[in-house]
Amino acid sequence: MAIELGALEPLVQKAILDSLTDEAREKLIADAISYLVTPAKTESWRSNPTTSPLQDIFSQALTAVVRQIATEVVTTDPRFDTAVRSLVGQFITALPDEEWETTLMEAAATAVIKKLKESKD
């Protein structure tokens, strides 16, 4: 008899929960909630406190929704399309005729180096 792996997971979860005492089940639930709302401790160089797993989940969901809305606006709003095409056209015409790729790369590298220096200060 073959048991599908996806069908086995809920059975194992139920078996584990059923084997716990009421006290152990309450502690497991309290610990799980605490984990979800407590920012992770990190040894990172980042000075900002990290977010909790629950905050991360909401942030990811919000990002997905905003990405979907932005995609809809970008792909369906003719005013946006016109404005972007105009800006790209202005950018391209502002580039020097020769070696514009090198100029663009140098400008990007200079901007990155500048930001890195500013972040050290």
PDB file of N, CA and C in Angstrom:
ATOM      1  N   MET A   1       0.845  -1.179   0.000  1.00  0.00           N
ATOM      2  CA  MET A   1       0.000   0.000   0.000  1.00  0.00           C
ATOM      3  C   MET A   1       0.885   1.235   0.000  1.00  0.00           C
ATOM      4  N   ALA A   2       0.698   2.124  -0.939  1.00  0.00           N
ATOM      5  CA  ALA A   2       1.496   3.345  -1.042  1.00  0.00           C
ATOM      6  C   ALA A   2       0.706   4.513  -0.477  1.00  0.00           C
ATOM      7  N   ILE A   3       1.391   5.304   0.348  1.00  0.00           N
ATOM      8  CA  ILE A   3       0.773   6.504   0.910  1.00  0.00           C
ATOM      9  C   ILE A   3       1.453   7.702   0.294  1.00  0.00           C
ATOM     10  N   GLU A   4       0.644   8.585  -0.256  1.00  0.00           N
ATOM     11  CA  GLU A   4       1.184   9.800  -0.871  1.00  0.00           C
ATOM     12  C   GLU A   4       1.804  10.671   0.210  1.00  0.00           C
ATOM     13  N   LEU A   5       2.980  11.238  -0.089  1.00  0.00           N
ATOM     14  CA  LEU A   5       3.715  12.034   0.897  1.00  0.00           C
ATOM     15  C   LEU A   5       2.885  13.202   1.419  1.00  0.00           C
ATOM     16  N   GLY A   6       2.156  13.882   0.564  1.00  0.00           N
ATOM     17  CA  GLY A   6       1.329  15.010   0.981  1.00  0.00           C
ATOM     18  C   GLY A   6       0.224  14.593   1.937  1.00  0.00           C
ATOM     19  N   ALA A   7      -0.273  13.381   1.807  1.00  0.00           N
ATOM     20  CA  ALA A   7      -1.328  12.889   2.683  1.00  0.00           C
ATOM     21  C   ALA A   7      -0.773  12.450   4.031  1.00  0.00           C
ATOM     22  N   LEU A   8       0.493  12.123   4.072  1.00  0.00           N
ATOM     23  CA  LEU A   8       1.115  11.638   5.300  1.00  0.00           C
ATOM     24  C   LEU A   8       1.378  12.768   6.297  1.00  0.00           C
ATOM     25  N   GLU A   9       1.679  13.942   5.798  1.00  0.00           N
ATOM     26  CA  GLU A   9       2.028  15.072   6.675  1.00  0.00           C
ATOM     27  C   GLU A   9       0.934  15.411   7.688  1.00  0.00           C
ATOM     28  N   PRO A  10      -0.329  15.578   7.277  1.00  0.00           N
ATOM     29  CA  PRO A  10      -1.361  15.881   8.274  1.00  0.00           C
ATOM     30  C   PRO A  10      -1.536  14.761   9.303  1.00  0.00           C
ATOM     31  N   LEU A  11      -1.355  13.519   8.877  1.00  0.00           N
ATOM     32  CA  LEU A  11      -1.480  12.393   9.810  1.00  0.00           C
ATOM     33  C   LEU A  11      -0.383  12.440  10.867  1.00  0.00           C
ATOM     34  N   VAL A  12       0.832  12.751  10.451  1.00  0.00           N
ATOM     35  CA  VAL A  12       1.952  12.849  11.391  1.00  0.00           C
ATOM     36  C   VAL A  12       1.726  14.020  12.350  1.00  0.00           C
ATOM     37  N   GLN A  13       1.261  15.164  11.813  1.00  0.00           N
ATOM     38  CA  GLN A  13       0.987  16.321  12.667  1.00  0.00           C
ATOM     39  C   GLN A  13      -0.062  15.974  13.719  1.00  0.00           C
ATOM     40  N   LYS A  14      -1.124  15.316  13.296  1.00  0.00           N
ATOM     41  CA  LYS A  14      -2.192  14.945  14.230  1.00  0.00           C
ATOM     42  C   LYS A  14      -1.671  13.973  15.281  1.00  0.00           C
ATOM     43  N   ALA A  15      -0.883  13.007  14.859  1.00  0.00           N
ATOM     44  CA  ALA A  15      -0.345  12.030  15.802  1.00  0.00           C
ATOM     45  C   ALA A  15       0.538  12.705  16.852  1.00  0.00           C
ATOM     46  N   ILE A  16       1.353  13.664  16.411  1.00  0.00           N
ATOM     47  CA  ILE A  16       2.229  14.377  17.352  1.00  0.00           C
ATOM     48  C   ILE A  16       1.395  15.209  18.318  1.00  0.00           C
ATOM     49  N   LEU A  17       0.438  15.975  17.808  1.00  0.00           N
ATOM     50  CA  LEU A  17      -0.396  16.807  18.680  1.00  0.00           C
ATOM     51  C   LEU A  17      -1.224  15.967  19.648  1.00  0.00           C
ATOM     52  N   ASP A  18      -1.742  14.836  19.177  1.00  0.00           N
ATOM     53  CA  ASP A  18      -2.545  13.964  20.046  1.00  0.00           C
ATOM     54  C   ASP A  18      -1.707  13.327  21.149  1.00  0.00           C
ATOM     55  N   SER A  19      -0.409  13.196  20.916  1.00  0.00           N
ATOM     56  CA  SER A  19       0.451  12.566  21.917  1.00  0.00           C
ATOM     57  C   SER A  19       0.910  13.543  22.996  1.00  0.00           C
ATOM     58  N   LEU A  20       0.665  14.842  22.797  1.00  0.00           N
ATOM     59  CA  LEU A  20       1.091  15.847  23.770  1.00  0.00           C
ATOM     60  C   LEU A  20       0.089  15.976  24.909  1.00  0.00           C
ATOM     61  N   THR A  21       0.614  16.249  26.074  1.00  0.00           N
ATOM     62  CA  THR A  21      -0.271  16.564  27.196  1.00  0.00           C
ATOM     63  C   THR A  21      -0.837  17.956  26.970  1.00  0.00           C
ATOM     64  N   ASP A  22      -1.887  18.302  27.713  1.00  0.00           N
ATOM     65  CA  ASP A  22      -2.474  19.640  27.587  1.00  0.00           C
ATOM     66  C   ASP A  22      -1.427  20.709  27.898  1.00  0.00           C
ATOM     67  N   GLU A  23      -0.640  20.477  28.915  1.00  0.00           N
ATOM     68  CA  GLU A  23       0.399  21.436  29.305  1.00  0.00           C
ATOM     69  C   GLU A  23       1.449  21.585  28.199  1.00  0.00           C
ATOM     70  N   ALA A  24       1.889  20.472  27.624  1.00  0.00           N
ATOM     71  CA  ALA A  24       2.886  20.513  26.553  1.00  0.00           C
ATOM     72  C   ALA A  24       2.312  21.181  25.310  1.00  0.00           C
ATOM     73  N   ARG A  25       1.023  20.920  25.004  1.00  0.00           N
ATOM     74  CA  ARG A  25       0.376  21.536  23.845  1.00  0.00           C
ATOM     75  C   ARG A  25       0.297  23.053  24.031  1.00  0.00           C
ATOM     76  N   GLU A  26      -0.078  23.512  25.227  1.00  0.00           N
ATOM     77  CA  GLU A  26      -0.147  24.950  25.505  1.00  0.00           C
ATOM     78  C   GLU A  26       1.220  25.606  25.362  1.00  0.00           C
ATOM     79  N   LYS A  27       2.261  24.928  25.864  1.00  0.00           N
ATOM     80  CA  LYS A  27       3.621  25.477  25.747  1.00  0.00           C
ATOM     81  C   LYS A  27       4.050  25.537  24.291  1.00  0.00           C
ATOM     82  N   LEU A  28       3.744  24.509  23.519  1.00  0.00           N
ATOM     83  CA  LEU A  28       4.096  24.486  22.095  1.00  0.00           C
ATOM     84  C   LEU A  28       3.416  25.645  21.360  1.00  0.00           C
ATOM     85  N   ILE A  29       2.140  25.868  21.631  1.00  0.00           N
ATOM     86  CA  ILE A  29       1.409  26.953  20.979  1.00  0.00           C
ATOM     87  C   ILE A  29       1.971  28.305  21.403  1.00  0.00           C
ATOM     88  N   ALA A  30       2.239  28.477  22.697  1.00  0.00           N
ATOM     89  CA  ALA A  30       2.799  29.743  23.195  1.00  0.00           C
ATOM     90  C   ALA A  30       4.171  30.002  22.577  1.00  0.00           C
ATOM     91  N   ASP A  31       4.989  28.955  22.498  1.00  0.00           N
ATOM     92  CA  ASP A  31       6.323  29.109  21.899  1.00  0.00           C
ATOM     93  C   ASP A  31       6.222  29.448  20.407  1.00  0.00           C
ATOM     94  N   ALA A  32       5.273  28.844  19.711  1.00  0.00           N
ATOM     95  CA  ALA A  32       5.101  29.116  18.278  1.00  0.00           C
ATOM     96  C   ALA A  32       4.668  30.568  18.066  1.00  0.00           C
ATOM     97  N   ILE A  33       3.738  31.049  18.876  1.00  0.00           N
ATOM     98  CA  ILE A  33       3.294  32.443  18.761  1.00  0.00           C
ATOM     99  C   ILE A  33       4.441  33.384  19.090  1.00  0.00           C
ATOM    100  N   SER A  34       5.174  33.067  20.133  1.00  0.00           N
ATOM    101  CA  SER A  34       6.327  33.896  20.507  1.00  0.00           C
ATOM    102  C   SER A  34       7.343  33.964  19.369  1.00  0.00           C
ATOM    103  N   TYR A  35       7.583  32.828  18.734  1.00  0.00           N
ATOM    104  CA  TYR A  35       8.516  32.799  17.602  1.00  0.00           C
ATOM    105  C   TYR A  35       8.036  33.715  16.477  1.00  0.00           C
ATOM    106  N   LEU A  36       6.745  33.660  16.194  1.00  0.00           N
ATOM    107  CA  LEU A  36       6.199  34.431  15.071  1.00  0.00           C
ATOM    108  C   LEU A  36       6.253  35.938  15.292  1.00  0.00           C
ATOM    109  N   VAL A  37       6.191  36.394  16.543  1.00  0.00           N
ATOM    110  CA  VAL A  37       6.127  37.840  16.797  1.00  0.00           C
ATOM    111  C   VAL A  37       7.428  38.424  17.332  1.00  0.00           C
ATOM    112  N   THR A  38       8.441  37.595  17.520  1.00  0.00           N
ATOM    113  CA  THR A  38       9.710  38.072  18.062  1.00  0.00           C
ATOM    114  C   THR A  38      10.732  38.241  16.944  1.00  0.00           C
ATOM    115  N   PRO A  39      11.320  39.453  16.847  1.00  0.00           N
ATOM    116  CA  PRO A  39      12.377  39.633  15.835  1.00  0.00           C
ATOM    117  C   PRO A  39      13.525  38.655  16.085  1.00  0.00           C
ATOM    118  N   ALA A  40      14.079  38.159  14.996  1.00  0.00           N
ATOM    119  CA  ALA A  40      15.181  37.207  15.090  1.00  0.00           C
ATOM    120  C   ALA A  40      16.433  37.912  15.596  1.00  0.00           C
ATOM    121  N   LYS A  41      17.161  37.225  16.422  1.00  0.00           N
ATOM    122  CA  LYS A  41      18.448  37.763  16.863  1.00  0.00           C
ATOM    123  C   LYS A  41      19.464  37.423  15.780  1.00  0.00           C
ATOM    124  N   THR A  42      20.346  38.359  15.520  1.00  0.00           N
ATOM    125  CA  THR A  42      21.305  38.132  14.440  1.00  0.00           C
ATOM    126  C   THR A  42      22.674  38.638  14.848  1.00  0.00           C
ATOM    127  N   GLU A  43      23.660  38.025  14.285  1.00  0.00           N
ATOM    128  CA  GLU A  43      25.041  38.455  14.490  1.00  0.00           C
ATOM    129  C   GLU A  43      25.493  39.324  13.320  1.00  0.00           C
ATOM    130  N   SER A  44      24.513  39.816  12.581  1.00  0.00           N
ATOM    131  CA  SER A  44      24.787  40.560  11.364  1.00  0.00           C
ATOM    132  C   SER A  44      25.409  41.910  11.655  1.00  0.00           C
ATOM    133  N   TRP A  45      26.041  42.474  10.653  1.00  0.00           N
ATOM    134  CA  TRP A  45      26.619  43.812  10.756  1.00  0.00           C
ATOM    135  C   TRP A  45      25.552  44.874  10.696  1.00  0.00           C
ATOM    136  N   ARG A  46      24.327  44.460  10.341  1.00  0.00           N
ATOM    137  CA  ARG A  46      23.239  45.432  10.243  1.00  0.00           C
ATOM    138  C   ARG A  46      22.947  46.032  11.604  1.00  0.00           C
ATOM    139  N   SER A  47      22.790  47.341  11.634  1.00  0.00           N
ATOM    140  CA  SER A  47      22.483  47.999  12.892  1.00  0.00           C
ATOM    141  C   SER A  47      20.986  48.036  13.157  1.00  0.00           C
ATOM    142  N   ASN A  48      20.185  47.862  12.114  1.00  0.00           N
ATOM    143  CA  ASN A  48      18.744  47.888  12.287  1.00  0.00           C
ATOM    144  C   ASN A  48      18.280  46.584  12.916  1.00  0.00           C
ATOM    145  N   PRO A  49      17.290  46.666  13.819  1.00  0.00           N
ATOM    146  CA  PRO A  49      16.759  45.417  14.369  1.00  0.00           C
ATOM    147  C   PRO A  49      16.060  44.636  13.268  1.00  0.00           C
ATOM    148  N   THR A  50      16.105  43.336  13.371  1.00  0.00           N
ATOM    149  CA  THR A  50      15.460  42.512  12.350  1.00  0.00           C
ATOM    150  C   THR A  50      13.970  42.426  12.645  1.00  0.00           C
ATOM    151  N   THR A  51      13.236  41.948  11.700  1.00  0.00           N
ATOM    152  CA  THR A  51      11.792  41.821  11.844  1.00  0.00           C
ATOM    153  C   THR A  51      11.434  40.410  12.289  1.00  0.00           C
ATOM    154  N   SER A  52      10.220  40.271  12.778  1.00  0.00           N
ATOM    155  CA  SER A  52       9.739  38.950  13.186  1.00  0.00           C
ATOM    156  C   SER A  52       9.286  38.186  11.946  1.00  0.00           C
ATOM    157  N   PRO A  53       9.189  36.861  12.056  1.00  0.00           N
ATOM    158  CA  PRO A  53       8.693  36.080  10.917  1.00  0.00           C
ATOM    159  C   PRO A  53       7.304  36.538  10.472  1.00  0.00           C
ATOM    160  N   LEU A  54       6.442  36.908  11.413  1.00  0.00           N
ATOM    161  CA  LEU A  54       5.105  37.374  11.058  1.00  0.00           C
ATOM    162  C   LEU A  54       5.173  38.695  10.289  1.00  0.00           C
ATOM    163  N   GLN A  55       6.059  39.601  10.721  1.00  0.00           N
ATOM    164  CA  GLN A  55       6.245  40.857   9.995  1.00  0.00           C
ATOM    165  C   GLN A  55       6.775  40.577   8.588  1.00  0.00           C
ATOM    166  N   ASP A  56       7.694  39.627   8.479  1.00  0.00           N
ATOM    167  CA  ASP A  56       8.242  39.265   7.166  1.00  0.00           C
ATOM    168  C   ASP A  56       7.155  38.740   6.235  1.00  0.00           C
ATOM    169  N   ILE A  57       6.255  37.909   6.773  1.00  0.00           N
ATOM    170  CA  ILE A  57       5.179  37.341   5.968  1.00  0.00           C
ATOM    171  C   ILE A  57       4.267  38.453   5.451  1.00  0.00           C
ATOM    172  N   PHE A  58       3.890  39.387   6.340  1.00  0.00           N
ATOM    173  CA  PHE A  58       3.028  40.487   5.907  1.00  0.00           C
ATOM    174  C   PHE A  58       3.748  41.386   4.911  1.00  0.00           C
ATOM    175  N   SER A  59       5.025  41.619   5.139  1.00  0.00           N
ATOM    176  CA  SER A  59       5.803  42.446   4.220  1.00  0.00           C
ATOM    177  C   SER A  59       5.865  41.801   2.834  1.00  0.00           C
ATOM    178  N   GLN A  60       6.098  40.504   2.805  1.00  0.00           N
ATOM    179  CA  GLN A  60       6.155  39.794   1.527  1.00  0.00           C
ATOM    180  C   GLN A  60       4.802  39.816   0.822  1.00  0.00           C
ATOM    181  N   ALA A  61       3.723  39.644   1.592  1.00  0.00           N
ATOM    182  CA  ALA A  61       2.383  39.681   1.000  1.00  0.00           C
ATOM    183  C   ALA A  61       2.080  41.072   0.453  1.00  0.00           C
ATOM    184  N   LEU A  62       2.431  42.101   1.222  1.00  0.00           N
ATOM    185  CA  LEU A  62       2.210  43.473   0.770  1.00  0.00           C
ATOM    186  C   LEU A  62       3.018  43.765  -0.489  1.00  0.00           C
ATOM    187  N   THR A  63       4.259  43.316  -0.515  1.00  0.00           N
ATOM    188  CA  THR A  63       5.106  43.501  -1.695  1.00  0.00           C
ATOM    189  C   THR A  63       4.474  42.829  -2.914  1.00  0.00           C
ATOM    190  N   ALA A  64       3.927  41.635  -2.729  1.00  0.00           N
ATOM    191  CA  ALA A  64       3.301  40.922  -3.844  1.00  0.00           C
ATOM    192  C   ALA A  64       2.087  41.692  -4.371  1.00  0.00           C
ATOM    193  N   VAL A  65       1.283  42.230  -3.466  1.00  0.00           N
ATOM    194  CA  VAL A  65       0.096  42.987  -3.879  1.00  0.00           C
ATOM    195  C   VAL A  65       0.508  44.266  -4.606  1.00  0.00           C
ATOM    196  N   VAL A  66       1.479  44.983  -4.037  1.00  0.00           N
ATOM    197  CA  VAL A  66       1.944  46.226  -4.669  1.00  0.00           C
ATOM    198  C   VAL A  66       2.548  45.926  -6.039  1.00  0.00           C
ATOM    199  N   ARG A  67       3.296  44.837  -6.151  1.00  0.00           N
ATOM    200  CA  ARG A  67       3.887  44.450  -7.438  1.00  0.00           C
ATOM    201  C   ARG A  67       2.784  44.184  -8.466  1.00  0.00           C
ATOM    202  N   GLN A  68       1.725  43.498  -8.035  1.00  0.00           N
ATOM    203  CA  GLN A  68       0.618  43.203  -8.947  1.00  0.00           C
ATOM    204  C   GLN A  68      -0.070  44.489  -9.401  1.00  0.00           C
ATOM    205  N   ILE A  69      -0.329  45.393  -8.469  1.00  0.00           N
ATOM    206  CA  ILE A  69      -0.985  46.658  -8.817  1.00  0.00           C
ATOM    207  C   ILE A  69      -0.092  47.478  -9.745  1.00  0.00           C
ATOM    208  N   ALA A  70       1.199  47.557  -9.419  1.00  0.00           N
ATOM    209  CA  ALA A  70       2.126  48.320 -10.253  1.00  0.00           C
ATOM    210  C   ALA A  70       2.188  47.743 -11.664  1.00  0.00           C
ATOM    211  N   THR A  71       2.194  46.424 -11.762  1.00  0.00           N
ATOM    212  CA  THR A  71       2.217  45.782 -13.078  1.00  0.00           C
ATOM    213  C   THR A  71       0.961  46.140 -13.862  1.00  0.00           C
ATOM    214  N   GLU A  72      -0.183  46.133 -13.192  1.00  0.00           N
ATOM    215  CA  GLU A  72      -1.427  46.501 -13.865  1.00  0.00           C
ATOM    216  C   GLU A  72      -1.378  47.947 -14.362  1.00  0.00           C
ATOM    217  N   VAL A  73      -0.881  48.844 -13.507  1.00  0.00           N
ATOM    218  CA  VAL A  73      -0.803  50.258 -13.899  1.00  0.00           C
ATOM    219  C   VAL A  73       0.152  50.434 -15.074  1.00  0.00           C
ATOM    220  N   VAL A  74       1.306  49.818 -14.965  1.00  0.00           N
ATOM    221  CA  VAL A  74       2.328  49.972 -16.007  1.00  0.00           C
ATOM    222  C   VAL A  74       1.844  49.408 -17.340  1.00  0.00           C
ATOM    223  N   THR A  75       1.128  48.313 -17.285  1.00  0.00           N
ATOM    224  CA  THR A  75       0.741  47.655 -18.538  1.00  0.00           C
ATOM    225  C   THR A  75      -0.604  48.104 -19.096  1.00  0.00           C
ATOM    226  N   THR A  76      -1.433  48.800 -18.296  1.00  0.00           N
ATOM    227  CA  THR A  76      -2.766  49.141 -18.797  1.00  0.00           C
ATOM    228  C   THR A  76      -3.056  50.635 -18.877  1.00  0.00           C
ATOM    229  N   ASP A  77      -2.314  51.463 -18.177  1.00  0.00           N
ATOM    230  CA  ASP A  77      -2.599  52.902 -18.167  1.00  0.00           C
ATOM    231  C   ASP A  77      -1.831  53.587 -19.292  1.00  0.00           C
ATOM    232  N   PRO A  78      -2.539  54.086 -20.311  1.00  0.00           N
ATOM    233  CA  PRO A  78      -1.850  54.714 -21.445  1.00  0.00           C
ATOM    234  C   PRO A  78      -1.072  55.974 -21.035  1.00  0.00           C
ATOM    235  N   ARG A  79      -1.537  56.677 -20.005  1.00  0.00           N
ATOM    236  CA  ARG A  79      -0.808  57.870 -19.553  1.00  0.00           C
ATOM    237  C   ARG A  79       0.563  57.486 -19.010  1.00  0.00           C
ATOM    238  N   PHE A  80       0.603  56.392 -18.266  1.00  0.00           N
ATOM    239  CA  PHE A  80       1.877  55.925 -17.720  1.00  0.00           C
ATOM    240  C   PHE A  80       2.805  55.510 -18.854  1.00  0.00           C
ATOM    241  N   ASP A  81       2.270  54.762 -19.802  1.00  0.00           N
ATOM    242  CA  ASP A  81       3.057  54.320 -20.952  1.00  0.00           C
ATOM    243  C   ASP A  81       3.643  55.517 -21.694  1.00  0.00           C
ATOM    244  N   THR A  82       2.841  56.542 -21.920  1.00  0.00           N
ATOM    245  CA  THR A  82       3.297  57.748 -22.622  1.00  0.00           C
ATOM    246  C   THR A  82       4.397  58.449 -21.834  1.00  0.00           C
ATOM    247  N   ALA A  83       4.201  58.590 -20.519  1.00  0.00           N
ATOM    248  CA  ALA A  83       5.191  59.273 -19.682  1.00  0.00           C
ATOM    249  C   ALA A  83       6.517  58.518 -19.662  1.00  0.00           C
ATOM    250  N   VAL A  84       6.455  57.193 -19.534  1.00  0.00           N
ATOM    251  CA  VAL A  84       7.689  56.400 -19.497  1.00  0.00           C
ATOM    252  C   VAL A  84       8.410  56.467 -20.838  1.00  0.00           C
ATOM    253  N   ARG A  85       7.673  56.349 -21.917  1.00  0.00           N
ATOM    254  CA  ARG A  85       8.292  56.424 -23.240  1.00  0.00           C
ATOM    255  C   ARG A  85       8.948  57.796 -23.453  1.00  0.00           C
ATOM    256  N   SER A  86       8.302  58.837 -22.957  1.00  0.00           N
ATOM    257  CA  SER A  86       8.861  60.179 -23.071  1.00  0.00           C
ATOM    258  C   SER A  86      10.165  60.292 -22.274  1.00  0.00           C
ATOM    259  N   LEU A  87      10.159  59.795 -21.045  1.00  0.00           N
ATOM    260  CA  LEU A  87      11.370  59.863 -20.212  1.00  0.00           C
ATOM    261  C   LEU A  87      12.523  59.062 -20.816  1.00  0.00           C
ATOM    262  N   VAL A  88      12.205  57.867 -21.320  1.00  0.00           N
ATOM    263  CA  VAL A  88      13.248  57.047 -21.951  1.00  0.00           C
ATOM    264  C   VAL A  88      13.787  57.760 -23.185  1.00  0.00           C
ATOM    265  N   GLY A  89      12.906  58.358 -23.958  1.00  0.00           N
ATOM    266  CA  GLY A  89      13.340  59.097 -25.142  1.00  0.00           C
ATOM    267  C   GLY A  89      14.235  60.276 -24.774  1.00  0.00           C
ATOM    268  N   GLN A  90      13.855  61.020 -23.733  1.00  0.00           N
ATOM    269  CA  GLN A  90      14.678  62.143 -23.279  1.00  0.00           C
ATOM    270  C   GLN A  90      16.049  61.656 -22.804  1.00  0.00           C
ATOM    271  N   PHE A  91      16.055  60.541 -22.097  1.00  0.00           N
ATOM    272  CA  PHE A  91      17.311  59.990 -21.605  1.00  0.00           C
ATOM    273  C   PHE A  91      18.222  59.607 -22.765  1.00  0.00           C
ATOM    274  N   ILE A  92      17.652  58.933 -23.741  1.00  0.00           N
ATOM    275  CA  ILE A  92      18.452  58.473 -24.880  1.00  0.00           C
ATOM    276  C   ILE A  92      18.987  59.660 -25.685  1.00  0.00           C
ATOM    277  N   THR A  93      18.173  60.671 -25.881  1.00  0.00           N
ATOM    278  CA  THR A  93      18.652  61.821 -26.658  1.00  0.00           C
ATOM    279  C   THR A  93      19.679  62.641 -25.885  1.00  0.00           C
ATOM    280  N   ALA A  94      19.676  62.547 -24.566  1.00  0.00           N
ATOM    281  CA  ALA A  94      20.640  63.284 -23.750  1.00  0.00           C
ATOM    282  C   ALA A  94      22.007  62.591 -23.712  1.00  0.00           C
ATOM    283  N   LEU A  95      22.065  61.334 -24.120  1.00  0.00           N
ATOM    284  CA  LEU A  95      23.333  60.609 -24.100  1.00  0.00           C
ATOM    285  C   LEU A  95      24.247  61.115 -25.215  1.00  0.00           C
ATOM    286  N   PRO A  96      25.530  61.147 -24.942  1.00  0.00           N
ATOM    287  CA  PRO A  96      26.457  61.519 -26.014  1.00  0.00           C
ATOM    288  C   PRO A  96      26.384  60.482 -27.139  1.00  0.00           C
ATOM    289  N   ASP A  97      26.646  60.956 -28.352  1.00  0.00           N
ATOM    290  CA  ASP A  97      26.557  60.056 -29.495  1.00  0.00           C
ATOM    291  C   ASP A  97      27.564  58.916 -29.422  1.00  0.00           C
ATOM    292  N   GLU A  98      28.756  59.205 -28.908  1.00  0.00           N
ATOM    293  CA  GLU A  98      29.796  58.193 -28.873  1.00  0.00           C
ATOM    294  C   GLU A  98      29.990  57.686 -27.453  1.00  0.00           C
ATOM    295  N   GLU A  99      30.230  56.422 -27.348  1.00  0.00           N
ATOM    296  CA  GLU A  99      30.581  55.774 -26.095  1.00  0.00           C
ATOM    297  C   GLU A  99      29.572  56.037 -24.968  1.00  0.00           C
ATOM    298  N   TRP A 100      28.297  56.042 -25.277  1.00  0.00           N
ATOM    299  CA  TRP A 100      27.296  56.311 -24.249  1.00  0.00           C
ATOM    300  C   TRP A 100      27.234  55.196 -23.218  1.00  0.00           C
ATOM    301  N   GLU A 101      27.531  53.959 -23.650  1.00  0.00           N
ATOM    302  CA  GLU A 101      27.514  52.854 -22.692  1.00  0.00           C
ATOM    303  C   GLU A 101      28.583  53.045 -21.628  1.00  0.00           C
ATOM    304  N   THR A 102      29.785  53.453 -22.047  1.00  0.00           N
ATOM    305  CA  THR A 102      30.875  53.683 -21.099  1.00  0.00           C
ATOM    306  C   THR A 102      30.520  54.826 -20.167  1.00  0.00           C
ATOM    307  N   THR A 103      29.959  55.888 -20.709  1.00  0.00           N
ATOM    308  CA  THR A 103      29.562  57.032 -19.896  1.00  0.00           C
ATOM    309  C   THR A 103      28.528  56.620 -18.857  1.00  0.00           C
ATOM    310  N   LEU A 104      27.558  55.819 -19.276  1.00  0.00           N
ATOM    311  CA  LEU A 104      26.518  55.369 -18.363  1.00  0.00           C
ATOM    312  C   LEU A 104      27.110  54.481 -17.264  1.00  0.00           C
ATOM    313  N   MET A 105      27.995  53.560 -17.618  1.00  0.00           N
ATOM    314  CA  MET A 105      28.617  52.681 -16.630  1.00  0.00           C
ATOM    315  C   MET A 105      29.472  53.475 -15.650  1.00  0.00           C
ATOM    316  N   GLU A 106      30.222  54.456 -16.165  1.00  0.00           N
ATOM    317  CA  GLU A 106      31.047  55.282 -15.291  1.00  0.00           C
ATOM    318  C   GLU A 106      30.183  56.073 -14.321  1.00  0.00           C
ATOM    319  N   ALA A 107      29.067  56.612 -14.797  1.00  0.00           N
ATOM    320  CA  ALA A 107      28.167  57.377 -13.937  1.00  0.00           C
ATOM    321  C   ALA A 107      27.574  56.473 -12.857  1.00  0.00           C
ATOM    322  N   ALA A 108      27.189  55.273 -13.229  1.00  0.00           N
ATOM    323  CA  ALA A 108      26.636  54.332 -12.251  1.00  0.00           C
ATOM    324  C   ALA A 108      27.685  53.944 -11.218  1.00  0.00           C
ATOM    325  N   ALA A 109      28.900  53.658 -11.671  1.00  0.00           N
ATOM    326  CA  ALA A 109      29.979  53.298 -10.739  1.00  0.00           C
ATOM    327  C   ALA A 109      30.289  54.451  -9.799  1.00  0.00           C
ATOM    328  N   THR A 110      30.324  55.664 -10.308  1.00  0.00           N
ATOM    329  CA  THR A 110      30.587  56.835  -9.478  1.00  0.00           C
ATOM    330  C   THR A 110      29.500  57.004  -8.422  1.00  0.00           C
ATOM    331  N   ALA A 111      28.247  56.808  -8.809  1.00  0.00           N
ATOM    332  CA  ALA A 111      27.138  56.938  -7.865  1.00  0.00           C
ATOM    333  C   ALA A 111      27.213  55.886  -6.770  1.00  0.00           C
ATOM    334  N   VAL A 112      27.572  54.641  -7.144  1.00  0.00           N
ATOM    335  CA  VAL A 112      27.690  53.570  -6.155  1.00  0.00           C
ATOM    336  C   VAL A 112      28.824  53.871  -5.179  1.00  0.00           C
ATOM    337  N   ILE A 113      29.965  54.281  -5.702  1.00  0.00           N
ATOM    338  CA  ILE A 113      31.111  54.602  -4.844  1.00  0.00           C
ATOM    339  C   ILE A 113      30.764  55.744  -3.900  1.00  0.00           C
ATOM    340  N   LYS A 114      30.074  56.754  -4.396  1.00  0.00           N
ATOM    341  CA  LYS A 114      29.665  57.881  -3.575  1.00  0.00           C
ATOM    342  C   LYS A 114      28.770  57.429  -2.431  1.00  0.00           C
ATOM    343  N   LYS A 115      27.780  56.579  -2.723  1.00  0.00           N
ATOM    344  CA  LYS A 115      26.873  56.073  -1.685  1.00  0.00           C
ATOM    345  C   LYS A 115      27.625  55.222  -0.671  1.00  0.00           C
ATOM    346  N   LEU A 116      28.570  54.415  -1.116  1.00  0.00           N
ATOM    347  CA  LEU A 116      29.362  53.606  -0.194  1.00  0.00           C
ATOM    348  C   LEU A 116      30.170  54.485   0.755  1.00  0.00           C
ATOM    349  N   LYS A 117      30.780  55.535   0.216  1.00  0.00           N
ATOM    350  CA  LYS A 117      31.544  56.462   1.044  1.00  0.00           C
ATOM    351  C   LYS A 117      30.632  57.159   2.050  1.00  0.00           C
ATOM    352  N   GLU A 118      29.435  57.569   1.610  1.00  0.00           N
ATOM    353  CA  GLU A 118      28.489  58.241   2.502  1.00  0.00           C
ATOM    354  C   GLU A 118      28.038  57.310   3.619  1.00  0.00           C
ATOM    355  N   SER A 119      27.880  56.023   3.312  1.00  0.00           N
ATOM    356  CA  SER A 119      27.392  55.090   4.336  1.00  0.00           C
ATOM    357  C   SER A 119      28.464  54.816   5.384  1.00  0.00           C
ATOM    358  N   LYS A 120      29.729  55.013   5.049  1.00  0.00           N
ATOM    359  CA  LYS A 120      30.812  54.826   6.027  1.00  0.00           C
ATOM    360  C   LYS A 120      30.865  55.985   7.015  1.00  0.00           C
ATOM    361  N   ASP A 121      30.423  57.161   6.578  1.00  0.00           N
ATOM    362  CA  ASP A 121      30.488  58.352   7.432  1.00  0.00           C
ATOM    363  C   ASP A 121      29.427  58.368   8.488  1.00  0.00           C
TER     364      ASP A 121
END
